Amino acid sequence: MGLTLTIEMLIKQAIERGELKNLPGEGKPIELKNLNPLETKEDRMINRLVAALMAASGQLPIEIIILKEIEGLKQRLEECKSDSEKQILQSKLAELNWKYEIQKEARLGFYNR
């Protein structure tokens, strides 16, 4: 079964179960400013579909969880006064960025096989 057929099947099943109704942002224009310029239209569609299905089931992709942690660390870093604590936070931030890139590459590799 091809990737397109699998996606179409997943969408159809989700629609039948009502999982794609009343999602955040429904009926609103898609925000285009944060798009990855290297991401194809197909990759973008797949990523949004997977994110919507996971959100509907109460799960988040690991990349999203890591990005939330990164944003939290950045906020703490901005508010931090201690140089030693800043070093620790910067180290954690670098590690999370590294983990994010690994997860992103793994997901892209999965979809592009």
N, C-alpha and C. Protein backbone atom coordinates (compact mmCIF):
# COMPACT_ATOMS: atom_id res chain seq x y z
N MET A 1 0.86 -1.17 0.00
CA MET A 1 0.00 0.00 0.00
C MET A 1 0.90 1.23 0.00
N GLY A 2 0.63 2.17 -0.88
CA GLY A 2 1.44 3.36 -0.99
C GLY A 2 1.17 4.33 0.15
N LEU A 3 2.10 5.25 0.34
CA LEU A 3 1.99 6.23 1.41
C LEU A 3 0.73 7.08 1.26
N THR A 4 0.41 7.49 0.02
CA THR A 4 -0.77 8.31 -0.21
C THR A 4 -2.04 7.56 0.19
N LEU A 5 -2.12 6.28 -0.17
CA LEU A 5 -3.29 5.48 0.20
C LEU A 5 -3.39 5.31 1.70
N THR A 6 -2.27 5.12 2.36
CA THR A 6 -2.26 4.98 3.81
C THR A 6 -2.76 6.26 4.47
N ILE A 7 -2.29 7.39 3.99
CA ILE A 7 -2.71 8.68 4.55
C ILE A 7 -4.20 8.88 4.33
N GLU A 8 -4.65 8.60 3.10
CA GLU A 8 -6.07 8.76 2.80
C GLU A 8 -6.92 7.86 3.69
N MET A 9 -6.45 6.64 3.95
CA MET A 9 -7.17 5.71 4.81
C MET A 9 -7.22 6.25 6.24
N LEU A 10 -6.10 6.77 6.74
CA LEU A 10 -6.05 7.33 8.09
C LEU A 10 -6.98 8.53 8.22
N ILE A 11 -6.99 9.38 7.20
CA ILE A 11 -7.87 10.55 7.23
C ILE A 11 -9.33 10.11 7.25
N LYS A 12 -9.67 9.17 6.37
CA LYS A 12 -11.05 8.69 6.30
C LYS A 12 -11.49 8.09 7.63
N GLN A 13 -10.63 7.28 8.23
CA GLN A 13 -10.97 6.66 9.52
C GLN A 13 -11.13 7.72 10.61
N ALA A 14 -10.25 8.71 10.61
CA ALA A 14 -10.34 9.77 11.62
C ALA A 14 -11.61 10.59 11.44
N ILE A 15 -11.99 10.87 10.19
CA ILE A 15 -13.22 11.61 9.92
C ILE A 15 -14.43 10.80 10.39
N GLU A 16 -14.43 9.51 10.09
CA GLU A 16 -15.55 8.65 10.49
C GLU A 16 -15.70 8.59 12.01
N ARG A 17 -14.58 8.63 12.72
CA ARG A 17 -14.62 8.61 14.19
C ARG A 17 -14.87 10.00 14.76
N GLY A 18 -14.90 11.03 13.92
CA GLY A 18 -15.14 12.39 14.38
C GLY A 18 -13.94 13.04 15.05
N GLU A 19 -12.74 12.49 14.82
CA GLU A 19 -11.54 12.98 15.49
C GLU A 19 -11.01 14.28 14.90
N LEU A 20 -11.48 14.65 13.72
CA LEU A 20 -10.96 15.85 13.08
C LEU A 20 -11.93 17.03 13.20
N LYS A 21 -12.92 16.90 14.07
CA LYS A 21 -13.87 17.99 14.29
C LYS A 21 -13.44 18.79 15.51
N ASN A 22 -13.70 20.08 15.46
CA ASN A 22 -13.45 20.99 16.59
C ASN A 22 -11.99 21.00 17.04
N LEU A 23 -11.07 20.83 16.12
CA LEU A 23 -9.65 20.91 16.45
C LEU A 23 -9.25 22.38 16.58
N PRO A 24 -8.24 22.69 17.39
CA PRO A 24 -7.78 24.08 17.49
C PRO A 24 -7.38 24.60 16.12
N GLY A 25 -7.84 25.79 15.80
CA GLY A 25 -7.50 26.41 14.53
C GLY A 25 -8.43 26.03 13.39
N GLU A 26 -9.42 25.20 13.67
CA GLU A 26 -10.34 24.79 12.61
C GLU A 26 -11.03 26.02 12.01
N GLY A 27 -11.02 26.09 10.68
CA GLY A 27 -11.65 27.20 9.98
C GLY A 27 -10.82 28.46 9.91
N LYS A 28 -9.62 28.42 10.48
CA LYS A 28 -8.73 29.58 10.44
C LYS A 28 -7.66 29.36 9.38
N PRO A 29 -7.12 30.46 8.84
CA PRO A 29 -6.06 30.29 7.84
C PRO A 29 -4.82 29.65 8.46
N ILE A 30 -4.08 28.92 7.64
CA ILE A 30 -2.86 28.26 8.09
C ILE A 30 -1.76 29.30 8.24
N GLU A 31 -1.06 29.26 9.36
CA GLU A 31 0.06 30.17 9.62
C GLU A 31 1.26 29.69 8.80
N LEU A 32 1.74 30.53 7.89
CA LEU A 32 2.80 30.12 6.98
C LEU A 32 4.18 30.65 7.34
N LYS A 33 4.30 31.49 8.36
CA LYS A 33 5.59 32.13 8.62
C LYS A 33 6.64 31.20 9.20
N ASN A 34 6.26 30.11 9.84
CA ASN A 34 7.24 29.23 10.48
C ASN A 34 7.50 27.96 9.68
N LEU A 35 7.30 28.01 8.38
CA LEU A 35 7.49 26.82 7.57
C LEU A 35 8.97 26.54 7.34
N ASN A 36 9.29 25.28 7.27
CA ASN A 36 10.64 24.84 6.95
C ASN A 36 10.82 24.96 5.44
N PRO A 37 11.76 25.77 4.96
CA PRO A 37 11.90 25.95 3.51
C PRO A 37 12.35 24.69 2.78
N LEU A 38 12.89 23.71 3.49
CA LEU A 38 13.34 22.47 2.88
C LEU A 38 12.27 21.38 2.89
N GLU A 39 11.16 21.67 3.55
CA GLU A 39 10.09 20.69 3.68
C GLU A 39 9.20 20.75 2.43
N THR A 40 8.93 19.61 1.84
CA THR A 40 8.07 19.58 0.66
C THR A 40 6.61 19.72 1.09
N LYS A 41 5.75 19.99 0.14
CA LYS A 41 4.32 20.10 0.44
C LYS A 41 3.79 18.78 1.01
N GLU A 42 4.28 17.68 0.45
CA GLU A 42 3.84 16.36 0.91
C GLU A 42 4.30 16.12 2.35
N ASP A 43 5.56 16.46 2.67
CA ASP A 43 6.07 16.30 4.04
C ASP A 43 5.25 17.15 5.00
N ARG A 44 4.95 18.38 4.59
CA ARG A 44 4.19 19.29 5.44
C ARG A 44 2.80 18.71 5.71
N MET A 45 2.17 18.17 4.68
CA MET A 45 0.84 17.59 4.83
C MET A 45 0.89 16.38 5.78
N ILE A 46 1.88 15.53 5.57
CA ILE A 46 2.02 14.35 6.43
C ILE A 46 2.27 14.77 7.87
N ASN A 47 3.17 15.72 8.08
CA ASN A 47 3.47 16.16 9.44
C ASN A 47 2.25 16.77 10.13
N ARG A 48 1.48 17.55 9.39
CA ARG A 48 0.27 18.15 9.97
C ARG A 48 -0.78 17.08 10.27
N LEU A 49 -0.90 16.12 9.38
CA LEU A 49 -1.87 15.05 9.60
C LEU A 49 -1.49 14.24 10.83
N VAL A 50 -0.24 13.85 10.91
CA VAL A 50 0.22 13.07 12.06
C VAL A 50 0.01 13.87 13.35
N ALA A 51 0.36 15.16 13.33
CA ALA A 51 0.19 15.99 14.51
C ALA A 51 -1.29 16.10 14.89
N ALA A 52 -2.16 16.26 13.90
CA ALA A 52 -3.61 16.36 14.18
C ALA A 52 -4.15 15.07 14.76
N LEU A 53 -3.74 13.93 14.17
CA LEU A 53 -4.21 12.65 14.68
C LEU A 53 -3.70 12.37 16.09
N MET A 54 -2.44 12.73 16.32
CA MET A 54 -1.88 12.51 17.65
C MET A 54 -2.54 13.43 18.67
N ALA A 55 -2.78 14.68 18.28
CA ALA A 55 -3.43 15.62 19.19
C ALA A 55 -4.85 15.16 19.50
N ALA A 56 -5.54 14.64 18.49
CA ALA A 56 -6.90 14.16 18.69
C ALA A 56 -6.92 12.98 19.65
N SER A 57 -5.85 12.21 19.66
CA SER A 57 -5.79 11.06 20.56
C SER A 57 -5.14 11.42 21.90
N GLY A 58 -4.78 12.70 22.06
CA GLY A 58 -4.19 13.14 23.32
C GLY A 58 -2.68 12.98 23.37
N GLN A 59 -2.06 12.62 22.26
CA GLN A 59 -0.62 12.45 22.22
C GLN A 59 0.01 13.58 21.42
N LEU A 60 1.25 13.86 21.71
CA LEU A 60 2.01 14.85 20.95
C LEU A 60 3.26 14.18 20.39
N PRO A 61 3.66 14.57 19.18
CA PRO A 61 4.93 14.04 18.65
C PRO A 61 6.08 14.46 19.56
N ILE A 62 7.08 13.61 19.67
CA ILE A 62 8.21 13.88 20.55
C ILE A 62 8.89 15.20 20.20
N GLU A 63 8.90 15.57 18.91
CA GLU A 63 9.52 16.84 18.52
C GLU A 63 8.80 18.02 19.16
N ILE A 64 7.48 17.94 19.26
CA ILE A 64 6.70 19.02 19.85
C ILE A 64 6.99 19.12 21.35
N ILE A 65 7.07 17.99 21.99
CA ILE A 65 7.39 17.97 23.42
C ILE A 65 8.76 18.60 23.66
N ILE A 66 9.73 18.22 22.82
CA ILE A 66 11.08 18.77 22.96
C ILE A 66 11.07 20.27 22.68
N LEU A 67 10.34 20.71 21.65
CA LEU A 67 10.28 22.14 21.34
C LEU A 67 9.68 22.93 22.50
N LYS A 68 8.67 22.38 23.17
CA LYS A 68 8.08 23.04 24.33
C LYS A 68 9.12 23.16 25.45
N GLU A 69 9.90 22.11 25.65
CA GLU A 69 10.97 22.15 26.66
C GLU A 69 12.01 23.21 26.29
N ILE A 70 12.36 23.28 25.00
CA ILE A 70 13.33 24.27 24.53
C ILE A 70 12.83 25.68 24.81
N GLU A 71 11.57 25.94 24.51
CA GLU A 71 11.00 27.27 24.75
C GLU A 71 11.01 27.61 26.24
N GLY A 72 10.69 26.62 27.07
CA GLY A 72 10.72 26.83 28.52
C GLY A 72 12.13 27.15 29.01
N LEU A 73 13.12 26.43 28.49
CA LEU A 73 14.51 26.69 28.88
C LEU A 73 14.97 28.07 28.41
N LYS A 74 14.57 28.46 27.21
CA LYS A 74 14.94 29.78 26.71
C LYS A 74 14.37 30.87 27.61
N GLN A 75 13.14 30.68 28.04
CA GLN A 75 12.50 31.65 28.95
C GLN A 75 13.26 31.72 30.27
N ARG A 76 13.59 30.55 30.82
CA ARG A 76 14.34 30.52 32.08
C ARG A 76 15.71 31.17 31.91
N LEU A 77 16.33 30.96 30.76
CA LEU A 77 17.65 31.53 30.49
C LEU A 77 17.58 33.05 30.44
N GLU A 78 16.52 33.60 29.84
CA GLU A 78 16.35 35.05 29.79
C GLU A 78 16.18 35.65 31.18
N GLU A 79 15.51 34.93 32.06
CA GLU A 79 15.22 35.43 33.41
C GLU A 79 16.35 35.13 34.39
N CYS A 80 17.29 34.30 34.01
CA CYS A 80 18.35 33.84 34.91
C CYS A 80 19.35 34.95 35.23
N LYS A 81 19.73 35.03 36.48
CA LYS A 81 20.71 36.03 36.93
C LYS A 81 22.08 35.41 37.23
N SER A 82 22.10 34.15 37.59
CA SER A 82 23.33 33.47 38.00
C SER A 82 24.09 32.94 36.79
N ASP A 83 25.39 33.25 36.72
CA ASP A 83 26.22 32.77 35.61
C ASP A 83 26.35 31.25 35.62
N SER A 84 26.47 30.66 36.80
CA SER A 84 26.60 29.20 36.86
C SER A 84 25.31 28.52 36.41
N GLU A 85 24.18 29.08 36.80
CA GLU A 85 22.91 28.51 36.37
C GLU A 85 22.72 28.71 34.86
N LYS A 86 23.18 29.84 34.33
CA LYS A 86 23.09 30.09 32.89
C LYS A 86 23.87 29.03 32.12
N GLN A 87 25.04 28.66 32.63
CA GLN A 87 25.85 27.63 31.97
C GLN A 87 25.11 26.30 31.94
N ILE A 88 24.49 25.95 33.05
CA ILE A 88 23.74 24.70 33.13
C ILE A 88 22.57 24.72 32.15
N LEU A 89 21.84 25.83 32.14
CA LEU A 89 20.70 25.95 31.23
C LEU A 89 21.14 25.92 29.77
N GLN A 90 22.24 26.57 29.45
CA GLN A 90 22.75 26.56 28.08
C GLN A 90 23.16 25.15 27.65
N SER A 91 23.74 24.41 28.58
CA SER A 91 24.12 23.04 28.29
C SER A 91 22.88 22.18 28.03
N LYS A 92 21.85 22.34 28.87
CA LYS A 92 20.60 21.60 28.68
C LYS A 92 19.93 22.00 27.36
N LEU A 93 20.00 23.29 27.04
CA LEU A 93 19.42 23.78 25.80
C LEU A 93 20.11 23.17 24.58
N ALA A 94 21.42 23.11 24.63
CA ALA A 94 22.18 22.50 23.53
C ALA A 94 21.81 21.03 23.38
N GLU A 95 21.68 20.33 24.49
CA GLU A 95 21.31 18.91 24.45
C GLU A 95 19.91 18.72 23.87
N LEU A 96 18.96 19.59 24.27
CA LEU A 96 17.61 19.47 23.74
C LEU A 96 17.57 19.80 22.25
N ASN A 97 18.34 20.78 21.82
CA ASN A 97 18.40 21.10 20.39
C ASN A 97 18.93 19.91 19.61
N TRP A 98 19.93 19.26 20.17
CA TRP A 98 20.52 18.07 19.55
C TRP A 98 19.47 16.96 19.45
N LYS A 99 18.73 16.72 20.55
CA LYS A 99 17.69 15.70 20.56
C LYS A 99 16.59 16.02 19.56
N TYR A 100 16.24 17.30 19.47
CA TYR A 100 15.20 17.71 18.52
C TYR A 100 15.63 17.39 17.09
N GLU A 101 16.86 17.72 16.75
CA GLU A 101 17.36 17.46 15.39
C GLU A 101 17.36 15.97 15.08
N ILE A 102 17.74 15.16 16.05
CA ILE A 102 17.74 13.71 15.86
C ILE A 102 16.32 13.20 15.61
N GLN A 103 15.37 13.66 16.42
CA GLN A 103 13.98 13.23 16.26
C GLN A 103 13.40 13.70 14.92
N LYS A 104 13.74 14.92 14.54
CA LYS A 104 13.25 15.46 13.27
C LYS A 104 13.80 14.63 12.10
N GLU A 105 15.09 14.33 12.14
CA GLU A 105 15.70 13.52 11.08
C GLU A 105 15.11 12.11 11.05
N ALA A 106 14.84 11.56 12.23
CA ALA A 106 14.25 10.23 12.28
C ALA A 106 12.86 10.22 11.66
N ARG A 107 12.07 11.24 11.94
CA ARG A 107 10.71 11.31 11.37
C ARG A 107 10.78 11.51 9.86
N LEU A 108 11.67 12.40 9.41
CA LEU A 108 11.82 12.62 7.97
C LEU A 108 12.31 11.36 7.27
N GLY A 109 13.23 10.66 7.91
CA GLY A 109 13.72 9.41 7.34
C GLY A 109 12.62 8.36 7.25
N PHE A 110 11.74 8.34 8.24
CA PHE A 110 10.63 7.38 8.25
C PHE A 110 9.69 7.66 7.08
N TYR A 111 9.38 8.92 6.84
CA TYR A 111 8.43 9.27 5.78
C TYR A 111 9.04 9.20 4.40
N ASN A 112 10.36 9.31 4.31
CA ASN A 112 11.01 9.32 3.00
C ASN A 112 11.58 7.98 2.60
N ARG A 113 11.24 6.92 3.32
CA ARG A 113 11.79 5.61 2.94
C ARG A 113 11.03 4.98 1.83
